[in-house]
C-alpha atoms as a PDB file:
ATOM      1  CA  UNK A   1       5.812  21.452   3.651  1.00  0.00           C
ATOM      2  CA  UNK A   2       4.970  17.795   3.098  1.00  0.00           C
ATOM      3  CA  UNK A   3       1.679  18.471   4.809  1.00  0.00           C
ATOM      4  CA  UNK A   4       0.592  20.638   1.855  1.00  0.00           C
ATOM      5  CA  UNK A   5       0.055  17.431  -0.103  1.00  0.00           C
ATOM      6  CA  UNK A   6      -2.755  16.541   2.268  1.00  0.00           C
ATOM      7  CA  UNK A   7      -4.699  19.603   1.200  1.00  0.00           C
ATOM      8  CA  UNK A   8      -4.813  18.470  -2.411  1.00  0.00           C
ATOM      9  CA  UNK A   9      -8.108  16.724  -3.265  1.00  0.00           C
ATOM     10  CA  UNK A  10      -6.519  13.906  -5.320  1.00  0.00           C
ATOM     11  CA  UNK A  11      -4.423  12.617  -2.426  1.00  0.00           C
ATOM     12  CA  UNK A  12      -7.301  10.746  -0.694  1.00  0.00           C
ATOM     13  CA  UNK A  13      -8.251   9.354  -4.102  1.00  0.00           C
ATOM     14  CA  UNK A  14      -4.697   8.078  -4.611  1.00  0.00           C
ATOM     15  CA  UNK A  15      -4.607   6.574  -1.127  1.00  0.00           C
ATOM     16  CA  UNK A  16      -7.979   4.915  -1.679  1.00  0.00           C
ATOM     17  CA  UNK A  17      -6.670   3.300  -4.861  1.00  0.00           C
ATOM     18  CA  UNK A  18      -3.525   2.151  -3.047  1.00  0.00           C
ATOM     19  CA  UNK A  19      -5.690   0.573  -0.348  1.00  0.00           C
ATOM     20  CA  UNK A  20      -7.419  -1.557  -2.970  1.00  0.00           C
ATOM     21  CA  UNK A  21      -4.009  -2.553  -4.344  1.00  0.00           C
ATOM     22  CA  UNK A  22      -2.908  -3.596  -0.848  1.00  0.00           C
ATOM     23  CA  UNK A  23      -5.718  -6.145  -0.820  1.00  0.00           C
ATOM     24  CA  UNK A  24      -4.595  -7.445  -4.206  1.00  0.00           C
ATOM     25  CA  UNK A  25      -0.969  -7.680  -3.117  1.00  0.00           C
ATOM     26  CA  UNK A  26      -1.728  -9.561   0.088  1.00  0.00           C
ATOM     27  CA  UNK A  27      -4.043 -11.899  -1.818  1.00  0.00           C
ATOM     28  CA  UNK A  28      -1.151 -12.771  -4.134  1.00  0.00           C
ATOM     29  CA  UNK A  29       1.387 -13.219  -1.366  1.00  0.00           C
ATOM     30  CA  UNK A  30      -0.846 -15.227   0.962  1.00  0.00           C
ATOM     31  CA  UNK A  31      -2.564 -17.416  -1.617  1.00  0.00           C
ATOM     32  CA  UNK A  32       0.280 -17.936  -4.088  1.00  0.00           C
ATOM     33  CA  UNK A  33       3.580 -17.224  -2.309  1.00  0.00           C
ATOM     34  CA  UNK A  34       3.232 -19.444   0.722  1.00  0.00           C
ATOM     35  CA  UNK A  35       0.872 -17.973   3.330  1.00  0.00           C
ATOM     36  CA  UNK A  36       2.852 -14.800   3.928  1.00  0.00           C
ATOM     37  CA  UNK A  37       1.726 -11.186   4.054  1.00  0.00           C
ATOM     38  CA  UNK A  38       3.694  -8.535   2.223  1.00  0.00           C
ATOM     39  CA  UNK A  39       1.480  -5.532   3.007  1.00  0.00           C
ATOM     40  CA  UNK A  40       0.146  -6.345   6.484  1.00  0.00           C
ATOM     41  CA  UNK A  41       3.130  -6.950   8.736  1.00  0.00           C
ATOM     42  CA  UNK A  42       0.919  -7.568  11.770  1.00  0.00           C
ATOM     43  CA  UNK A  43      -0.268 -10.705  10.022  1.00  0.00           C
ATOM     44  CA  UNK A  44       3.302 -11.940   9.667  1.00  0.00           C
ATOM     45  CA  UNK A  45       3.947 -11.515  13.371  1.00  0.00           C
ATOM     46  CA  UNK A  46       0.878 -13.631  14.105  1.00  0.00           C
ATOM     47  CA  UNK A  47       1.996 -16.279  11.589  1.00  0.00           C
ATOM     48  CA  UNK A  48       5.437 -16.393  13.199  1.00  0.00           C
ATOM     49  CA  UNK A  49       3.755 -16.974  16.532  1.00  0.00           C
ATOM     50  CA  UNK A  50       1.815 -19.888  15.075  1.00  0.00           C
ATOM     51  CA  UNK A  51       4.963 -21.331  13.513  1.00  0.00           C
ATOM     52  CA  UNK A  52       6.848 -21.010  16.800  1.00  0.00           C
ATOM     53  CA  UNK A  53       4.461 -23.516  18.386  1.00  0.00           C
ATOM     54  CA  UNK A  54       5.168 -26.062  15.669  1.00  0.00           C
ATOM     55  CA  UNK A  55       1.908 -25.635  13.777  1.00  0.00           C
ATOM     56  CA  UNK A  56       2.368 -27.012  10.258  1.00  0.00           C
ATOM     57  CA  UNK A  57       1.862 -25.068   7.050  1.00  0.00           C
ATOM     58  CA  UNK A  58       3.599 -21.829   8.032  1.00  0.00           C
ATOM     59  CA  UNK A  59       6.848 -20.707   6.417  1.00  0.00           C
ATOM     60  CA  UNK A  60       9.047 -18.960   8.979  1.00  0.00           C
ATOM     61  CA  UNK A  61      11.630 -18.036   6.342  1.00  0.00           C
ATOM     62  CA  UNK A  62       9.023 -16.363   4.138  1.00  0.00           C
ATOM     63  CA  UNK A  63       7.591 -14.314   7.010  1.00  0.00           C
ATOM     64  CA  UNK A  64      11.068 -13.256   8.138  1.00  0.00           C
ATOM     65  CA  UNK A  65      11.963 -12.353   4.552  1.00  0.00           C
ATOM     66  CA  UNK A  66       8.867 -10.169   4.308  1.00  0.00           C
ATOM     67  CA  UNK A  67       9.554  -8.470   7.631  1.00  0.00           C
ATOM     68  CA  UNK A  68      13.205  -7.810   6.809  1.00  0.00           C
ATOM     69  CA  UNK A  69      12.432  -6.428   3.356  1.00  0.00           C
ATOM     70  CA  UNK A  70       9.612  -4.296   4.739  1.00  0.00           C
ATOM     71  CA  UNK A  71      11.928  -2.722   7.317  1.00  0.00           C
ATOM     72  CA  UNK A  72      14.511  -2.087   4.605  1.00  0.00           C
ATOM     73  CA  UNK A  73      11.794  -0.327   2.597  1.00  0.00           C
ATOM     74  CA  UNK A  74      10.953   1.858   5.582  1.00  0.00           C
ATOM     75  CA  UNK A  75      14.624   2.833   5.876  1.00  0.00           C
ATOM     76  CA  UNK A  76      14.781   3.687   2.165  1.00  0.00           C
ATOM     77  CA  UNK A  77      11.630   5.801   2.455  1.00  0.00           C
ATOM     78  CA  UNK A  78      13.119   7.667   5.416  1.00  0.00           C
ATOM     79  CA  UNK A  79      16.141   8.574   3.285  1.00  0.00           C
ATOM     80  CA  UNK A  80      13.880   9.674   0.440  1.00  0.00           C
ATOM     81  CA  UNK A  81      11.840  11.822   2.787  1.00  0.00           C
ATOM     82  CA  UNK A  82      14.952  13.451   4.221  1.00  0.00           C
ATOM     83  CA  UNK A  83      16.139  14.302   0.714  1.00  0.00           C
ATOM     84  CA  UNK A  84      12.873  15.383  -0.894  1.00  0.00           C
ATOM     85  CA  UNK A  85       9.856  15.661   1.394  1.00  0.00           C
ATOM     86  CA  UNK A  86      10.449  19.136   2.790  1.00  0.00           C
ATOM     87  CA  UNK A  87      11.829  20.690  -0.409  1.00  0.00           C
ATOM     88  CA  UNK A  88       9.753  19.041  -3.144  1.00  0.00           C
ATOM     89  CA  UNK A  89       6.881  17.086  -1.508  1.00  0.00           C
ATOM     90  CA  UNK A  90       5.144  16.327  -4.797  1.00  0.00           C
ATOM     91  CA  UNK A  91       8.258  14.722  -6.284  1.00  0.00           C
ATOM     92  CA  UNK A  92       8.820  12.777  -3.066  1.00  0.00           C
ATOM     93  CA  UNK A  93       5.365  11.197  -3.120  1.00  0.00           C
ATOM     94  CA  UNK A  94       5.503  10.347  -6.824  1.00  0.00           C
ATOM     95  CA  UNK A  95       9.038   8.939  -6.427  1.00  0.00           C
ATOM     96  CA  UNK A  96       7.829   6.650  -3.638  1.00  0.00           C
ATOM     97  CA  UNK A  97       4.952   5.408  -5.801  1.00  0.00           C
ATOM     98  CA  UNK A  98       7.315   4.868  -8.730  1.00  0.00           C
ATOM     99  CA  UNK A  99       9.698   2.868  -6.571  1.00  0.00           C
ATOM    100  CA  UNK A 100       6.812   0.713  -5.363  1.00  0.00           C
ATOM    101  CA  UNK A 101       5.705   0.062  -8.954  1.00  0.00           C
ATOM    102  CA  UNK A 102       9.243  -0.878 -10.018  1.00  0.00           C
ATOM    103  CA  UNK A 103       9.561  -3.339  -7.138  1.00  0.00           C
ATOM    104  CA  UNK A 104       6.163  -4.866  -7.909  1.00  0.00           C
ATOM    105  CA  UNK A 105       7.294  -5.343 -11.510  1.00  0.00           C
ATOM    106  CA  UNK A 106      10.425  -7.129 -10.299  1.00  0.00           C
ATOM    107  CA  UNK A 107       8.267  -9.294  -8.040  1.00  0.00           C
ATOM    108  CA  UNK A 108       6.107 -10.169 -11.041  1.00  0.00           C
ATOM    109  CA  UNK A 109       9.207 -11.254 -12.973  1.00  0.00           C
ATOM    110  CA  UNK A 110      10.344 -13.335 -10.007  1.00  0.00           C
ATOM    111  CA  UNK A 111       6.915 -14.977  -9.846  1.00  0.00           C
ATOM    112  CA  UNK A 112       7.069 -15.843 -13.544  1.00  0.00           C
ATOM    113  CA  UNK A 113      10.425 -17.506 -12.769  1.00  0.00           C
ATOM    114  CA  UNK A 114       9.008 -19.367  -9.731  1.00  0.00           C
ATOM    115  CA  UNK A 115      11.423 -17.472  -7.476  1.00  0.00           C
ATOM    116  CA  UNK A 116       9.158 -17.212  -4.446  1.00  0.00           C
ATOM    117  CA  UNK A 117      11.447 -15.562  -1.904  1.00  0.00           C
ATOM    118  CA  UNK A 118      12.653 -12.793  -4.254  1.00  0.00           C
ATOM    119  CA  UNK A 119       9.003 -12.108  -5.106  1.00  0.00           C
ATOM    120  CA  UNK A 120       8.110 -11.844  -1.417  1.00  0.00           C
ATOM    121  CA  UNK A 121      11.106  -9.595  -0.775  1.00  0.00           C
ATOM    122  CA  UNK A 122      10.285  -7.299  -3.694  1.00  0.00           C
ATOM    123  CA  UNK A 123       6.659  -6.851  -2.693  1.00  0.00           C
ATOM    124  CA  UNK A 124       7.474  -6.279   0.981  1.00  0.00           C
ATOM    125  CA  UNK A 125      10.244  -3.808   0.122  1.00  0.00           C
ATOM    126  CA  UNK A 126       7.806  -1.773  -1.965  1.00  0.00           C
ATOM    127  CA  UNK A 127       5.190  -1.879   0.753  1.00  0.00           C
ATOM    128  CA  UNK A 128       7.708  -0.710   3.329  1.00  0.00           C
ATOM    129  CA  UNK A 129       8.446   2.318   1.161  1.00  0.00           C
ATOM    130  CA  UNK A 130       4.738   2.993   0.755  1.00  0.00           C
ATOM    131  CA  UNK A 131       3.826   2.554   4.421  1.00  0.00           C
ATOM    132  CA  UNK A 132       6.557   4.894   5.615  1.00  0.00           C
ATOM    133  CA  UNK A 133       5.526   7.479   3.007  1.00  0.00           C
ATOM    134  CA  UNK A 134       1.823   7.283   3.852  1.00  0.00           C
ATOM    135  CA  UNK A 135       2.621   7.409   7.560  1.00  0.00           C
ATOM    136  CA  UNK A 136       4.501  10.675   7.026  1.00  0.00           C
ATOM    137  CA  UNK A 137       1.598  12.131   5.038  1.00  0.00           C
ATOM    138  CA  UNK A 138      -0.669  11.331   8.003  1.00  0.00           C
ATOM    139  CA  UNK A 139      -3.997  11.517   6.185  1.00  0.00           C
ATOM    140  CA  UNK A 140      -6.523  10.483   8.861  1.00  0.00           C
ATOM    141  CA  UNK A 141      -7.947   6.964   8.495  1.00  0.00           C
ATOM    142  CA  UNK A 142      -6.119   6.272   5.223  1.00  0.00           C
ATOM    143  CA  UNK A 143      -3.097   4.128   6.066  1.00  0.00           C
ATOM    144  CA  UNK A 144      -3.708   1.893   2.974  1.00  0.00           C
ATOM    145  CA  UNK A 145      -2.783  -1.314   4.869  1.00  0.00           C
ATOM    146  CA  UNK A 146      -3.502  -1.847   8.580  1.00  0.00           C
ATOM    147  CA  UNK A 147      -7.086  -0.767   9.282  1.00  0.00           C
ATOM    148  CA  UNK A 148      -7.887  -2.060  12.779  1.00  0.00           C
ATOM    149  CA  UNK A 149      -8.030   1.460  14.201  1.00  0.00           C
ATOM    150  CA  UNK A 150     -10.090   2.647  11.236  1.00  0.00           C
ATOM    151  CA  UNK A 151     -12.609  -0.188  11.685  1.00  0.00           C
ATOM    152  CA  UNK A 152     -12.850   0.660  15.394  1.00  0.00           C
ATOM    153  CA  UNK A 153     -13.441   4.345  14.663  1.00  0.00           C
ATOM    154  CA  UNK A 154     -16.004   3.541  11.983  1.00  0.00           C
ATOM    155  CA  UNK A 155     -17.945   1.254  14.330  1.00  0.00           C
ATOM    156  CA  UNK A 156     -17.864   3.966  16.981  1.00  0.00           C
ATOM    157  CA  UNK A 157     -19.150   6.484  14.413  1.00  0.00           C
ATOM    158  CA  UNK A 158     -22.080   4.286  13.494  1.00  0.00           C
ATOM    159  CA  UNK A 159     -22.946   3.562  17.120  1.00  0.00           C
ATOM    160  CA  UNK A 160     -22.522   7.118  18.356  1.00  0.00           C
ATOM    161  CA  UNK A 161     -25.382   9.550  18.678  1.00  0.00           C
ATOM    162  CA  UNK A 162     -22.952  12.321  17.761  1.00  0.00           C
ATOM    163  CA  UNK A 163     -20.945  10.921  14.840  1.00  0.00           C
ATOM    164  CA  UNK A 164     -17.970  12.700  13.312  1.00  0.00           C
ATOM    165  CA  UNK A 165     -18.282  14.731  10.126  1.00  0.00           C
ATOM    166  CA  UNK A 166     -19.326  13.001   6.925  1.00  0.00           C
ATOM    167  CA  UNK A 167     -15.914  13.432   5.297  1.00  0.00           C
ATOM    168  CA  UNK A 168     -14.192  11.504   8.071  1.00  0.00           C
ATOM    169  CA  UNK A 169     -16.761   8.713   7.987  1.00  0.00           C
ATOM    170  CA  UNK A 170     -16.500   8.544   4.195  1.00  0.00           C
ATOM    171  CA  UNK A 171     -12.712   8.112   4.371  1.00  0.00           C
ATOM    172  CA  UNK A 172     -13.130   5.295   6.848  1.00  0.00           C
ATOM    173  CA  UNK A 173     -15.732   3.529   4.716  1.00  0.00           C
ATOM    174  CA  UNK A 174     -13.562   3.884   1.608  1.00  0.00           C
ATOM    175  CA  UNK A 175     -10.525   2.462   3.415  1.00  0.00           C
ATOM    176  CA  UNK A 176     -12.311  -0.583   4.794  1.00  0.00           C
ATOM    177  CA  UNK A 177     -14.324  -1.291   1.651  1.00  0.00           C
ATOM    178  CA  UNK A 178     -11.287  -0.756  -0.550  1.00  0.00           C
ATOM    179  CA  UNK A 179      -9.128  -3.279   1.281  1.00  0.00           C
ATOM    180  CA  UNK A 180     -11.895  -5.893   1.261  1.00  0.00           C
ATOM    181  CA  UNK A 181     -12.632  -5.257  -2.417  1.00  0.00           C
ATOM    182  CA  UNK A 182      -8.948  -5.614  -3.261  1.00  0.00           C
ATOM    183  CA  UNK A 183      -8.696  -8.896  -1.386  1.00  0.00           C
ATOM    184  CA  UNK A 184     -11.798 -10.277  -3.111  1.00  0.00           C
ATOM    185  CA  UNK A 185     -10.578  -9.195  -6.539  1.00  0.00           C
ATOM    186  CA  UNK A 186      -7.095 -10.516  -5.796  1.00  0.00           C
ATOM    187  CA  UNK A 187      -8.348 -13.939  -4.774  1.00  0.00           C
ATOM    188  CA  UNK A 188     -10.532 -14.163  -7.876  1.00  0.00           C
ATOM    189  CA  UNK A 189      -7.740 -13.056 -10.216  1.00  0.00           C
ATOM    190  CA  UNK A 190      -5.123 -15.322  -8.652  1.00  0.00           C
ATOM    191  CA  UNK A 191      -7.441 -18.267  -9.227  1.00  0.00           C
ATOM    192  CA  UNK A 192      -8.289 -17.394 -12.829  1.00  0.00           C
ATOM    193  CA  UNK A 193      -5.203 -15.546 -14.137  1.00  0.00           C
ATOM    194  CA  UNK A 194      -2.333 -16.592 -11.902  1.00  0.00           C
ATOM    195  CA  UNK A 195      -0.333 -14.621  -9.361  1.00  0.00           C
ATOM    196  CA  UNK A 196       2.213 -13.328 -11.872  1.00  0.00           C
ATOM    197  CA  UNK A 197      -0.441 -11.678 -14.053  1.00  0.00           C
ATOM    198  CA  UNK A 198      -2.132 -10.151 -11.033  1.00  0.00           C
ATOM    199  CA  UNK A 199       1.174  -8.497 -10.164  1.00  0.00           C
ATOM    200  CA  UNK A 200       1.449  -7.198 -13.720  1.00  0.00           C
ATOM    201  CA  UNK A 201      -1.999  -5.636 -13.302  1.00  0.00           C
ATOM    202  CA  UNK A 202      -1.015  -4.162  -9.930  1.00  0.00           C
ATOM    203  CA  UNK A 203       2.148  -2.687 -11.444  1.00  0.00           C
ATOM    204  CA  UNK A 204       0.114  -0.991 -14.149  1.00  0.00           C
ATOM    205  CA  UNK A 205      -2.335   0.364 -11.589  1.00  0.00           C
ATOM    206  CA  UNK A 206       0.495   1.732  -9.430  1.00  0.00           C
ATOM    207  CA  UNK A 207       1.944   3.522 -12.445  1.00  0.00           C
ATOM    208  CA  UNK A 208      -1.472   5.002 -13.231  1.00  0.00           C
ATOM    209  CA  UNK A 209      -1.875   6.270  -9.657  1.00  0.00           C
ATOM    210  CA  UNK A 210       1.557   7.917  -9.754  1.00  0.00           C
ATOM    211  CA  UNK A 211       0.962   9.406 -13.202  1.00  0.00           C
ATOM    212  CA  UNK A 212      -2.522  10.608 -12.295  1.00  0.00           C
ATOM    213  CA  UNK A 213      -1.342  12.355  -9.144  1.00  0.00           C
ATOM    214  CA  UNK A 214       1.601  13.911 -10.969  1.00  0.00           C
ATOM    215  CA  UNK A 215      -0.611  15.108 -13.816  1.00  0.00           C
ATOM    216  CA  UNK A 216      -3.128  16.681 -11.454  1.00  0.00           C
ATOM    217  CA  UNK A 217      -0.450  18.589  -9.562  1.00  0.00           C
ATOM    218  CA  UNK A 218       1.117  19.858 -12.792  1.00  0.00           C
ATOM    219  CA  UNK A 219      -2.253  21.050 -14.083  1.00  0.00           C
ATOM    220  CA  UNK A 220      -3.017  22.838 -10.823  1.00  0.00           C
ATOM    221  CA  UNK A 221       0.340  24.571 -10.885  1.00  0.00           C
ATOM    222  CA  UNK A 222      -0.222  25.744 -14.446  1.00  0.00           C
ATOM    223  CA  UNK A 223      -3.711  26.950 -13.603  1.00  0.00           C
ATOM    224  CA  UNK A 224      -2.280  28.965 -10.709  1.00  0.00           C
ATOM    225  CA  UNK A 225       0.192  30.814 -12.939  1.00  0.00           C
ATOM    226  CA  UNK A 226      -0.847  34.361 -13.882  1.00  0.00           C
ATOM    227  CA  UNK A 227      -1.705  35.002 -17.516  1.00  0.00           C
ATOM    228  CA  UNK A 228       1.218  36.240 -19.579  1.00  0.00           C
END
């Protein structure tokens, strides 16, 4: 039943917006919270490898905090999916987005208070919830965070004499461009506004994505009802 969400046109739009926000979030965490990733856990594993050799400038505690919180978020999302995904898939997706927004807001408050580790934990917890949710939705090429496979597929599309359909290529382009655009915007905003205000902006955007998706589904359901 959760798969029915994939058929709804606004879902790729929501995932595209979340991909941009992933770039913003990782820009904040890496540039302002001590060279740690809170969306891209692969990056943290690489940073831990660097730190293990004694390379200076890498915070093992921050990377471990992010990894632990991310895994906790995945566990929470699994519970949410078990409770809601099969019975009310729309509510499950919106609930996951709402939880992510609430955790980003808490991370923003922690950043205002110069509480770096709680901010890292809050962001990574929210991203764990999101990643597990998006993984269950299984929209091709729209993971919203790790895009190595998407970049590979896109390069193969462009080099192939028999490329895949335009819709698939478009999703791949949107994913890659969205993450890069989010990182660029995040770096610019961190420099000129400060990390805490960037997280406030991200929180607002997450709320808008959740509200927009919810509103679209409600309108479609009403339009499908027979006239009285």
